[in-house]
Amino acid sequence: AAFCSKYSQPFCHVVVAAVLQEPGEGAEQTKLVCEL
């Protein structure tokens, strides 16, 4: 939350993009992205 408060765009390009592209269910990762 702290990092995303100032640097959410690079975070989305690096971390969120990797989560979305990850094959398989990734339930915890998907929940995390939803929460963010």
Full PDB file with SEQRES, HELIX, SHEET, SSBOND, CRYST1, ORIGX, SCALE, CONECT and MASTER records, all heavy atoms in Angstrom:
SEQRES   1 A   36  ALA ALA PHE CYS SER LYS TYR SER GLN PRO PHE CYS HIS          
SEQRES   2 A   36  VAL VAL VAL ALA ALA VAL LEU GLN GLU PRO GLY GLU GLY          
SEQRES   3 A   36  ALA GLU GLN THR LYS LEU VAL CYS GLU LEU                      
HELIX    1 AA1 ALA A    2  PHE A   11  1                                  10    
HELIX    2 AA2 CYS A   12  VAL A   16  3                                   5    
HELIX    3 AA3 ALA A   17  GLN A   21  1                                   5    
HELIX    4 AA4 ALA A   27  GLU A   35  1                                   9    
CRYST1    1.000    1.000    1.000  90.00  90.00  90.00 P 1           1          
ORIGX1      1.000000  0.000000  0.000000        0.00000                         
ORIGX2      0.000000  1.000000  0.000000        0.00000                         
ORIGX3      0.000000  0.000000  1.000000        0.00000                         
SCALE1      1.000000  0.000000  0.000000        0.00000                         
SCALE2      0.000000  1.000000  0.000000        0.00000                         
SCALE3      0.000000  0.000000  1.000000        0.00000                         
ATOM      1  N   ALA A   1       0.834  -1.208   0.000  1.00  0.00           N  
ATOM      2  CA  ALA A   1       0.000   0.000   0.000  1.00  0.00           C  
ATOM      3  C   ALA A   1       0.867   1.256   0.000  1.00  0.00           C  
ATOM      4  O   ALA A   1       0.585   2.219  -0.723  1.00  0.00           O  
ATOM      5  CB  ALA A   1      -0.939  -0.016   1.199  1.00  0.00           C  
ATOM      6  N   ALA A   2       1.931   1.232   0.797  1.00  0.00           N  
ATOM      7  CA  ALA A   2       2.829   2.393   0.858  1.00  0.00           C  
ATOM      8  C   ALA A   2       3.494   2.626  -0.498  1.00  0.00           C  
ATOM      9  O   ALA A   2       3.497   3.745  -1.021  1.00  0.00           O  
ATOM     10  CB  ALA A   2       3.884   2.190   1.943  1.00  0.00           C  
ATOM     11  N   PHE A   3       4.031   1.571  -1.085  1.00  0.00           N  
ATOM     12  CA  PHE A   3       4.718   1.706  -2.372  1.00  0.00           C  
ATOM     13  C   PHE A   3       3.757   2.189  -3.444  1.00  0.00           C  
ATOM     14  O   PHE A   3       4.066   3.099  -4.225  1.00  0.00           O  
ATOM     15  CB  PHE A   3       5.351   0.365  -2.771  1.00  0.00           C  
ATOM     16  CG  PHE A   3       6.306   0.476  -3.923  1.00  0.00           C  
ATOM     17  CD1 PHE A   3       7.643   0.781  -3.698  1.00  0.00           C  
ATOM     18  CD2 PHE A   3       5.883   0.272  -5.219  1.00  0.00           C  
ATOM     19  CE1 PHE A   3       8.543   0.882  -4.755  1.00  0.00           C  
ATOM     20  CE2 PHE A   3       6.764   0.376  -6.288  1.00  0.00           C  
ATOM     21  CZ  PHE A   3       8.099   0.682  -6.052  1.00  0.00           C  
ATOM     22  N   CYS A   4       2.547   1.588  -3.465  1.00  0.00           N  
ATOM     23  CA  CYS A   4       1.564   1.951  -4.492  1.00  0.00           C  
ATOM     24  C   CYS A   4       1.021   3.361  -4.311  1.00  0.00           C  
ATOM     25  O   CYS A   4       0.510   3.956  -5.257  1.00  0.00           O  
ATOM     26  CB  CYS A   4       0.413   0.948  -4.498  1.00  0.00           C  
ATOM     27  SG  CYS A   4       0.865  -0.642  -5.202  1.00  0.00           S  
ATOM     28  N   SER A   5       1.126   3.911  -3.106  1.00  0.00           N  
ATOM     29  CA  SER A   5       0.622   5.266  -2.888  1.00  0.00           C  
ATOM     30  C   SER A   5       1.400   6.290  -3.717  1.00  0.00           C  
ATOM     31  O   SER A   5       0.891   7.360  -4.026  1.00  0.00           O  
ATOM     32  CB  SER A   5       0.687   5.631  -1.405  1.00  0.00           C  
ATOM     33  OG  SER A   5       2.026   5.823  -0.990  1.00  0.00           O  
ATOM     34  N   LYS A   6       2.617   5.951  -4.100  1.00  0.00           N  
ATOM     35  CA  LYS A   6       3.438   6.902  -4.861  1.00  0.00           C  
ATOM     36  C   LYS A   6       3.913   6.353  -6.198  1.00  0.00           C  
ATOM     37  O   LYS A   6       4.112   7.108  -7.143  1.00  0.00           O  
ATOM     38  CB  LYS A   6       4.649   7.306  -4.021  1.00  0.00           C  
ATOM     39  CG  LYS A   6       5.331   8.574  -4.469  1.00  0.00           C  
ATOM     40  CD  LYS A   6       6.308   9.022  -3.405  1.00  0.00           C  
ATOM     41  CE  LYS A   6       6.806  10.427  -3.653  1.00  0.00           C  
ATOM     42  NZ  LYS A   6       7.734  10.842  -2.574  1.00  0.00           N  
ATOM     43  N   TYR A   7       4.075   5.041  -6.267  1.00  0.00           N  
ATOM     44  CA  TYR A   7       4.665   4.437  -7.460  1.00  0.00           C  
ATOM     45  C   TYR A   7       3.783   3.329  -8.032  1.00  0.00           C  
ATOM     46  O   TYR A   7       4.250   2.256  -8.380  1.00  0.00           O  
ATOM     47  CB  TYR A   7       6.070   3.896  -7.130  1.00  0.00           C  
ATOM     48  CG  TYR A   7       7.006   4.970  -6.640  1.00  0.00           C  
ATOM     49  CD1 TYR A   7       7.441   4.995  -5.320  1.00  0.00           C  
ATOM     50  CD2 TYR A   7       7.433   5.980  -7.494  1.00  0.00           C  
ATOM     51  CE1 TYR A   7       8.299   6.002  -4.865  1.00  0.00           C  
ATOM     52  CE2 TYR A   7       8.289   6.992  -7.043  1.00  0.00           C  
ATOM     53  CZ  TYR A   7       8.709   6.997  -5.732  1.00  0.00           C  
ATOM     54  OH  TYR A   7       9.544   7.987  -5.295  1.00  0.00           O  
ATOM     55  N   SER A   8       2.484   3.607  -8.118  1.00  0.00           N  
ATOM     56  CA  SER A   8       1.568   2.549  -8.538  1.00  0.00           C  
ATOM     57  C   SER A   8       1.708   2.185 -10.021  1.00  0.00           C  
ATOM     58  O   SER A   8       1.527   1.037 -10.393  1.00  0.00           O  
ATOM     59  CB  SER A   8       0.111   2.898  -8.208  1.00  0.00           C  
ATOM     60  OG  SER A   8      -0.253   4.126  -8.768  1.00  0.00           O  
ATOM     61  N   GLN A   9       2.079   3.157 -10.860  1.00  0.00           N  
ATOM     62  CA  GLN A   9       2.198   2.835 -12.279  1.00  0.00           C  
ATOM     63  C   GLN A   9       3.336   1.849 -12.558  1.00  0.00           C  
ATOM     64  O   GLN A   9       3.113   0.818 -13.204  1.00  0.00           O  
ATOM     65  CB  GLN A   9       2.344   4.108 -13.108  1.00  0.00           C  
ATOM     66  CG  GLN A   9       2.112   3.845 -14.584  1.00  0.00           C  
ATOM     67  CD  GLN A   9       1.810   5.102 -15.361  1.00  0.00           C  
ATOM     68  OE1 GLN A   9       1.697   6.182 -14.802  1.00  0.00           O  
ATOM     69  NE2 GLN A   9       1.681   4.964 -16.661  1.00  0.00           N  
ATOM     70  N   PRO A  10       4.555   2.109 -12.084  1.00  0.00           N  
ATOM     71  CA  PRO A  10       5.595   1.085 -12.301  1.00  0.00           C  
ATOM     72  C   PRO A  10       5.260  -0.234 -11.618  1.00  0.00           C  
ATOM     73  O   PRO A  10       5.555  -1.311 -12.144  1.00  0.00           O  
ATOM     74  CB  PRO A  10       6.866   1.710 -11.720  1.00  0.00           C  
ATOM     75  CG  PRO A  10       6.456   2.940 -11.003  1.00  0.00           C  
ATOM     76  CD  PRO A  10       5.110   3.335 -11.485  1.00  0.00           C  
ATOM     77  N   PHE A  11       4.606  -0.179 -10.456  1.00  0.00           N  
ATOM     78  CA  PHE A  11       4.196  -1.405  -9.774  1.00  0.00           C  
ATOM     79  C   PHE A  11       3.247  -2.210 -10.660  1.00  0.00           C  
ATOM     80  O   PHE A  11       3.392  -3.431 -10.798  1.00  0.00           O  
ATOM     81  CB  PHE A  11       3.524  -1.070  -8.444  1.00  0.00           C  
ATOM     82  CG  PHE A  11       3.052  -2.285  -7.693  1.00  0.00           C  
ATOM     83  CD1 PHE A  11       3.913  -2.976  -6.862  1.00  0.00           C  
ATOM     84  CD2 PHE A  11       1.753  -2.759  -7.839  1.00  0.00           C  
ATOM     85  CE1 PHE A  11       3.493  -4.111  -6.183  1.00  0.00           C  
ATOM     86  CE2 PHE A  11       1.324  -3.884  -7.169  1.00  0.00           C  
ATOM     87  CZ  PHE A  11       2.192  -4.566  -6.340  1.00  0.00           C  
ATOM     88  N   CYS A  12       2.285  -1.534 -11.277  1.00  0.00           N  
ATOM     89  CA  CYS A  12       1.332  -2.236 -12.151  1.00  0.00           C  
ATOM     90  C   CYS A  12       2.020  -2.834 -13.367  1.00  0.00           C  
ATOM     91  O   CYS A  12       1.721  -3.959 -13.766  1.00  0.00           O  
ATOM     92  CB  CYS A  12       0.216  -1.286 -12.591  1.00  0.00           C  
ATOM     93  SG  CYS A  12      -0.951  -0.902 -11.276  1.00  0.00           S  
ATOM     94  N   HIS A  13       2.954  -2.071 -13.947  1.00  0.00           N  
ATOM     95  CA  HIS A  13       3.640  -2.574 -15.136  1.00  0.00           C  
ATOM     96  C   HIS A  13       4.519  -3.778 -14.836  1.00  0.00           C  
ATOM     97  O   HIS A  13       4.696  -4.649 -15.689  1.00  0.00           O  
ATOM     98  CB  HIS A  13       4.471  -1.465 -15.783  1.00  0.00           C  
ATOM     99  CG  HIS A  13       3.672  -0.581 -16.692  1.00  0.00           C  
ATOM    100  ND1 HIS A  13       3.600   0.775 -16.539  1.00  0.00           N  
ATOM    101  CD2 HIS A  13       2.889  -0.875 -17.752  1.00  0.00           C  
ATOM    102  CE1 HIS A  13       2.811   1.280 -17.466  1.00  0.00           C  
ATOM    103  NE2 HIS A  13       2.357   0.300 -18.214  1.00  0.00           N  
ATOM    104  N   VAL A  14       5.060  -3.840 -13.620  1.00  0.00           N  
ATOM    105  CA  VAL A  14       5.984  -4.931 -13.287  1.00  0.00           C  
ATOM    106  C   VAL A  14       5.270  -6.077 -12.574  1.00  0.00           C  
ATOM    107  O   VAL A  14       5.267  -7.214 -13.051  1.00  0.00           O  
ATOM    108  CB  VAL A  14       7.151  -4.411 -12.408  1.00  0.00           C  
ATOM    109  CG1 VAL A  14       8.014  -5.554 -11.913  1.00  0.00           C  
ATOM    110  CG2 VAL A  14       7.998  -3.413 -13.185  1.00  0.00           C  
ATOM    111  N   VAL A  15       4.645  -5.799 -11.447  1.00  0.00           N  
ATOM    112  CA  VAL A  15       4.105  -6.863 -10.594  1.00  0.00           C  
ATOM    113  C   VAL A  15       2.718  -7.304 -11.041  1.00  0.00           C  
ATOM    114  O   VAL A  15       2.473  -8.501 -11.228  1.00  0.00           O  
ATOM    115  CB  VAL A  15       4.100  -6.429  -9.107  1.00  0.00           C  
ATOM    116  CG1 VAL A  15       3.543  -7.541  -8.224  1.00  0.00           C  
ATOM    117  CG2 VAL A  15       5.513  -6.055  -8.657  1.00  0.00           C  
ATOM    118  N   VAL A  16       1.803  -6.352 -11.227  1.00  0.00           N  
ATOM    119  CA  VAL A  16       0.443  -6.733 -11.629  1.00  0.00           C  
ATOM    120  C   VAL A  16       0.464  -7.428 -12.982  1.00  0.00           C  
ATOM    121  O   VAL A  16      -0.201  -8.453 -13.171  1.00  0.00           O  
ATOM    122  CB  VAL A  16      -0.507  -5.510 -11.631  1.00  0.00           C  
ATOM    123  CG1 VAL A  16      -1.873  -5.880 -12.212  1.00  0.00           C  
ATOM    124  CG2 VAL A  16      -0.669  -4.960 -10.214  1.00  0.00           C  
ATOM    125  N   ALA A  17       1.239  -6.912 -13.924  1.00  0.00           N  
ATOM    126  CA  ALA A  17       1.330  -7.549 -15.246  1.00  0.00           C  
ATOM    127  C   ALA A  17       1.808  -8.992 -15.126  1.00  0.00           C  
ATOM    128  O   ALA A  17       1.280  -9.889 -15.785  1.00  0.00           O  
ATOM    129  CB  ALA A  17       2.263  -6.753 -16.156  1.00  0.00           C  
ATOM    130  N   ALA A  18       2.801  -9.243 -14.264  1.00  0.00           N  
ATOM    131  CA  ALA A  18       3.320 -10.604 -14.082  1.00  0.00           C  
ATOM    132  C   ALA A  18       2.260 -11.517 -13.479  1.00  0.00           C  
ATOM    133  O   ALA A  18       2.119 -12.675 -13.885  1.00  0.00           O  
ATOM    134  CB  ALA A  18       4.553 -10.585 -13.190  1.00  0.00           C  
ATOM    135  N   VAL A  19       1.485 -11.005 -12.531  1.00  0.00           N  
ATOM    136  CA  VAL A  19       0.415 -11.806 -11.914  1.00  0.00           C  
ATOM    137  C   VAL A  19      -0.636 -12.158 -12.960  1.00  0.00           C  
ATOM    138  O   VAL A  19      -1.084 -13.305 -13.050  1.00  0.00           O  
ATOM    139  CB  VAL A  19      -0.237 -11.046 -10.731  1.00  0.00           C  
ATOM    140  CG1 VAL A  19      -1.528 -11.725 -10.284  1.00  0.00           C  
ATOM    141  CG2 VAL A  19       0.735 -10.953  -9.567  1.00  0.00           C  
ATOM    142  N   LEU A  20      -1.039 -11.178 -13.758  1.00  0.00           N  
ATOM    143  CA  LEU A  20      -2.086 -11.416 -14.754  1.00  0.00           C  
ATOM    144  C   LEU A  20      -1.639 -12.419 -15.806  1.00  0.00           C  
ATOM    145  O   LEU A  20      -2.442 -13.192 -16.313  1.00  0.00           O  
ATOM    146  CB  LEU A  20      -2.490 -10.092 -15.421  1.00  0.00           C  
ATOM    147  CG  LEU A  20      -3.116  -9.035 -14.503  1.00  0.00           C  
ATOM    148  CD1 LEU A  20      -3.399  -7.756 -15.283  1.00  0.00           C  
ATOM    149  CD2 LEU A  20      -4.381  -9.552 -13.828  1.00  0.00           C  
ATOM    150  N   GLN A  21      -0.348 -12.406 -16.140  1.00  0.00           N  
ATOM    151  CA  GLN A  21       0.164 -13.293 -17.183  1.00  0.00           C  
ATOM    152  C   GLN A  21       0.550 -14.673 -16.660  1.00  0.00           C  
ATOM    153  O   GLN A  21       0.787 -15.585 -17.445  1.00  0.00           O  
ATOM    154  CB  GLN A  21       1.373 -12.647 -17.869  1.00  0.00           C  
ATOM    155  CG  GLN A  21       0.996 -11.423 -18.668  1.00  0.00           C  
ATOM    156  CD  GLN A  21       2.189 -10.563 -19.019  1.00  0.00           C  
ATOM    157  OE1 GLN A  21       3.334 -10.927 -18.778  1.00  0.00           O  
ATOM    158  NE2 GLN A  21       1.924  -9.400 -19.595  1.00  0.00           N  
ATOM    159  N   GLU A  22       0.614 -14.810 -15.352  1.00  0.00           N  
ATOM    160  CA  GLU A  22       1.019 -16.087 -14.747  1.00  0.00           C  
ATOM    161  C   GLU A  22      -0.006 -17.160 -15.105  1.00  0.00           C  
ATOM    162  O   GLU A  22      -1.205 -16.983 -14.890  1.00  0.00           O  
ATOM    163  CB  GLU A  22       1.095 -15.915 -13.222  1.00  0.00           C  
ATOM    164  CG  GLU A  22       1.610 -17.121 -12.493  1.00  0.00           C  
ATOM    165  CD  GLU A  22       3.122 -17.291 -12.589  1.00  0.00           C  
ATOM    166  OE1 GLU A  22       3.824 -16.445 -13.160  1.00  0.00           O  
ATOM    167  OE2 GLU A  22       3.594 -18.319 -12.085  1.00  0.00           O  
ATOM    168  N   PRO A  23       0.449 -18.280 -15.680  1.00  0.00           N  
ATOM    169  CA  PRO A  23      -0.511 -19.338 -15.993  1.00  0.00           C  
ATOM    170  C   PRO A  23      -1.057 -19.981 -14.722  1.00  0.00           C  
ATOM    171  O   PRO A  23      -0.447 -19.894 -13.658  1.00  0.00           O  
ATOM    172  CB  PRO A  23       0.321 -20.344 -16.806  1.00  0.00           C  
ATOM    173  CG  PRO A  23       1.731 -20.087 -16.409  1.00  0.00           C  
ATOM    174  CD  PRO A  23       1.821 -18.634 -16.039  1.00  0.00           C  
ATOM    175  N   GLY A  24      -2.199 -20.591 -14.831  1.00  0.00           N  
ATOM    176  CA  GLY A  24      -2.788 -21.281 -13.682  1.00  0.00           C  
ATOM    177  C   GLY A  24      -3.721 -20.381 -12.906  1.00  0.00           C  
ATOM    178  O   GLY A  24      -3.955 -19.233 -13.252  1.00  0.00           O  
ATOM    179  N   GLU A  25      -4.236 -20.923 -11.829  1.00  0.00           N  
ATOM    180  CA  GLU A  25      -5.257 -20.227 -11.049  1.00  0.00           C  
ATOM    181  C   GLU A  25      -4.713 -18.995 -10.331  1.00  0.00           C  
ATOM    182  O   GLU A  25      -5.250 -17.920 -10.440  1.00  0.00           O  
ATOM    183  CB  GLU A  25      -5.879 -21.194 -10.025  1.00  0.00           C  
ATOM    184  CG  GLU A  25      -6.727 -22.295 -10.675  1.00  0.00           C  
ATOM    185  CD  GLU A  25      -7.843 -21.753 -11.536  1.00  0.00           C  
ATOM    186  OE1 GLU A  25      -8.618 -20.916 -11.030  1.00  0.00           O  
ATOM    187  OE2 GLU A  25      -7.941 -22.132 -12.710  1.00  0.00           O  
ATOM    188  N   GLY A  26      -3.651 -19.168  -9.544  1.00  0.00           N  
ATOM    189  CA  GLY A  26      -3.081 -18.042  -8.819  1.00  0.00           C  
ATOM    190  C   GLY A  26      -4.103 -17.324  -7.964  1.00  0.00           C  
ATOM    191  O   GLY A  26      -4.219 -16.106  -8.007  1.00  0.00           O  
ATOM    192  N   ALA A  27      -4.851 -18.097  -7.164  1.00  0.00           N  
ATOM    193  CA  ALA A  27      -5.963 -17.526  -6.401  1.00  0.00           C  
ATOM    194  C   ALA A  27      -5.525 -16.416  -5.460  1.00  0.00           C  
ATOM    195  O   ALA A  27      -6.151 -15.350  -5.413  1.00  0.00           O  
ATOM    196  CB  ALA A  27      -6.679 -18.629  -5.620  1.00  0.00           C  
ATOM    197  N   GLU A  28      -4.450 -16.629  -4.723  1.00  0.00           N  
ATOM    198  CA  GLU A  28      -4.008 -15.610  -3.761  1.00  0.00           C  
ATOM    199  C   GLU A  28      -3.506 -14.361  -4.479  1.00  0.00           C  
ATOM    200  O   GLU A  28      -3.738 -13.236  -4.027  1.00  0.00           O  
ATOM    201  CB  GLU A  28      -2.920 -16.163  -2.834  1.00  0.00           C  
ATOM    202  CG  GLU A  28      -3.409 -17.225  -1.867  1.00  0.00           C  
ATOM    203  CD  GLU A  28      -4.568 -16.784  -0.979  1.00  0.00           C  
ATOM    204  OE1 GLU A  28      -4.699 -15.572  -0.702  1.00  0.00           O  
ATOM    205  OE2 GLU A  28      -5.354 -17.649  -0.566  1.00  0.00           O  
ATOM    206  N   GLN A  29      -2.827 -14.567  -5.600  1.00  0.00           N  
ATOM    207  CA  GLN A  29      -2.331 -13.430  -6.365  1.00  0.00           C  
ATOM    208  C   GLN A  29      -3.496 -12.616  -6.933  1.00  0.00           C  
ATOM    209  O   GLN A  29      -3.480 -11.383  -6.900  1.00  0.00           O  
ATOM    210  CB  GLN A  29      -1.430 -13.909  -7.516  1.00  0.00           C  
ATOM    211  CG  GLN A  29      -0.102 -14.454  -7.083  1.00  0.00           C  
ATOM    212  CD  GLN A  29      -0.149 -15.885  -6.533  1.00  0.00           C  
ATOM    213  OE1 GLN A  29      -1.172 -16.554  -6.609  1.00  0.00           O  
ATOM    214  NE2 GLN A  29       0.954 -16.337  -5.982  1.00  0.00           N  
ATOM    215  N   THR A  30      -4.510 -13.313  -7.436  1.00  0.00           N  
ATOM    216  CA  THR A  30      -5.672 -12.621  -7.994  1.00  0.00           C  
ATOM    217  C   THR A  30      -6.400 -11.842  -6.911  1.00  0.00           C  
ATOM    218  O   THR A  30      -6.782 -10.683  -7.103  1.00  0.00           O  
ATOM    219  CB  THR A  30      -6.629 -13.636  -8.665  1.00  0.00           C  
ATOM    220  OG1 THR A  30      -5.903 -14.352  -9.674  1.00  0.00           O  
ATOM    221  CG2 THR A  30      -7.819 -12.939  -9.291  1.00  0.00           C  
ATOM    222  N   LYS A  31      -6.568 -12.453  -5.738  1.00  0.00           N  
ATOM    223  CA  LYS A  31      -7.211 -11.745  -4.620  1.00  0.00           C  
ATOM    224  C   LYS A  31      -6.412 -10.503  -4.244  1.00  0.00           C  
ATOM    225  O   LYS A  31      -6.984  -9.454  -3.937  1.00  0.00           O  
ATOM    226  CB  LYS A  31      -7.317 -12.668  -3.394  1.00  0.00           C  
ATOM    227  CG  LYS A  31      -8.379 -13.734  -3.501  1.00  0.00           C  
ATOM    228  CD  LYS A  31      -8.382 -14.560  -2.218  1.00  0.00           C  
ATOM    229  CE  LYS A  31      -9.085 -15.882  -2.428  1.00  0.00           C  
ATOM    230  NZ  LYS A  31      -8.860 -16.821  -1.328  1.00  0.00           N  
ATOM    231  N   LEU A  32      -5.094 -10.631  -4.247  1.00  0.00           N  
ATOM    232  CA  LEU A  32      -4.240  -9.495  -3.904  1.00  0.00           C  
ATOM    233  C   LEU A  32      -4.419  -8.359  -4.908  1.00  0.00           C  
ATOM    234  O   LEU A  32      -4.571  -7.195  -4.524  1.00  0.00           O  
ATOM    235  CB  LEU A  32      -2.776  -9.932  -3.849  1.00  0.00           C  
ATOM    236  CG  LEU A  32      -1.759  -8.809  -3.615  1.00  0.00           C  
ATOM    237  CD1 LEU A  32      -1.962  -8.150  -2.260  1.00  0.00           C  
ATOM    238  CD2 LEU A  32      -0.348  -9.340  -3.740  1.00  0.00           C  
ATOM    239  N   VAL A  33      -4.411  -8.687  -6.195  1.00  0.00           N  
ATOM    240  CA  VAL A  33      -4.605  -7.657  -7.222  1.00  0.00           C  
ATOM    241  C   VAL A  33      -5.970  -6.992  -7.041  1.00  0.00           C  
ATOM    242  O   VAL A  33      -6.088  -5.764  -7.114  1.00  0.00           O  
ATOM    243  CB  VAL A  33      -4.450  -8.242  -8.646  1.00  0.00           C  
ATOM    244  CG1 VAL A  33      -4.914  -7.246  -9.703  1.00  0.00           C  
ATOM    245  CG2 VAL A  33      -2.998  -8.634  -8.900  1.00  0.00           C  
ATOM    246  N   CYS A  34      -6.997  -7.787  -6.759  1.00  0.00           N  
ATOM    247  CA  CYS A  34      -8.336  -7.226  -6.537  1.00  0.00           C  
ATOM    248  C   CYS A  34      -8.331  -6.263  -5.349  1.00  0.00           C  
ATOM    249  O   CYS A  34      -8.913  -5.177  -5.418  1.00  0.00           O  
ATOM    250  CB  CYS A  34      -9.359  -8.332  -6.309  1.00  0.00           C  
ATOM    251  SG  CYS A  34      -9.696  -9.318  -7.783  1.00  0.00           S  
ATOM    252  N   GLU A  35      -7.656  -6.654  -4.286  1.00  0.00           N  
ATOM    253  CA  GLU A  35      -7.588  -5.798  -3.096  1.00  0.00           C  
ATOM    254  C   GLU A  35      -6.848  -4.496  -3.394  1.00  0.00           C  
ATOM    255  O   GLU A  35      -7.263  -3.416  -2.967  1.00  0.00           O  
ATOM    256  CB  GLU A  35      -6.903  -6.555  -1.952  1.00  0.00           C  
ATOM    257  CG  GLU A  35      -7.076  -5.884  -0.614  1.00  0.00           C  
ATOM    258  CD  GLU A  35      -6.606  -6.754   0.551  1.00  0.00           C  
ATOM    259  OE1 GLU A  35      -6.557  -7.994   0.410  1.00  0.00           O  
ATOM    260  OE2 GLU A  35      -6.288  -6.169   1.598  1.00  0.00           O  
ATOM    261  N   LEU A  36      -5.773  -4.587  -4.151  1.00  0.00           N  
ATOM    262  CA  LEU A  36      -5.028  -3.380  -4.522  1.00  0.00           C  
ATOM    263  C   LEU A  36      -5.881  -2.471  -5.405  1.00  0.00           C  
ATOM    264  O   LEU A  36      -5.887  -1.250  -5.232  1.00  0.00           O  
ATOM    265  CB  LEU A  36      -3.723  -3.757  -5.240  1.00  0.00           C  
ATOM    266  CG  LEU A  36      -2.673  -4.459  -4.389  1.00  0.00           C  
ATOM    267  CD1 LEU A  36      -1.517  -4.951  -5.255  1.00  0.00           C  
ATOM    268  CD2 LEU A  36      -2.143  -3.536  -3.289  1.00  0.00           C  
TER     269      LEU A  36                                                      
MASTER        0    0    0    4    0    0    0    6  268    1    0    3          
END                                                                             
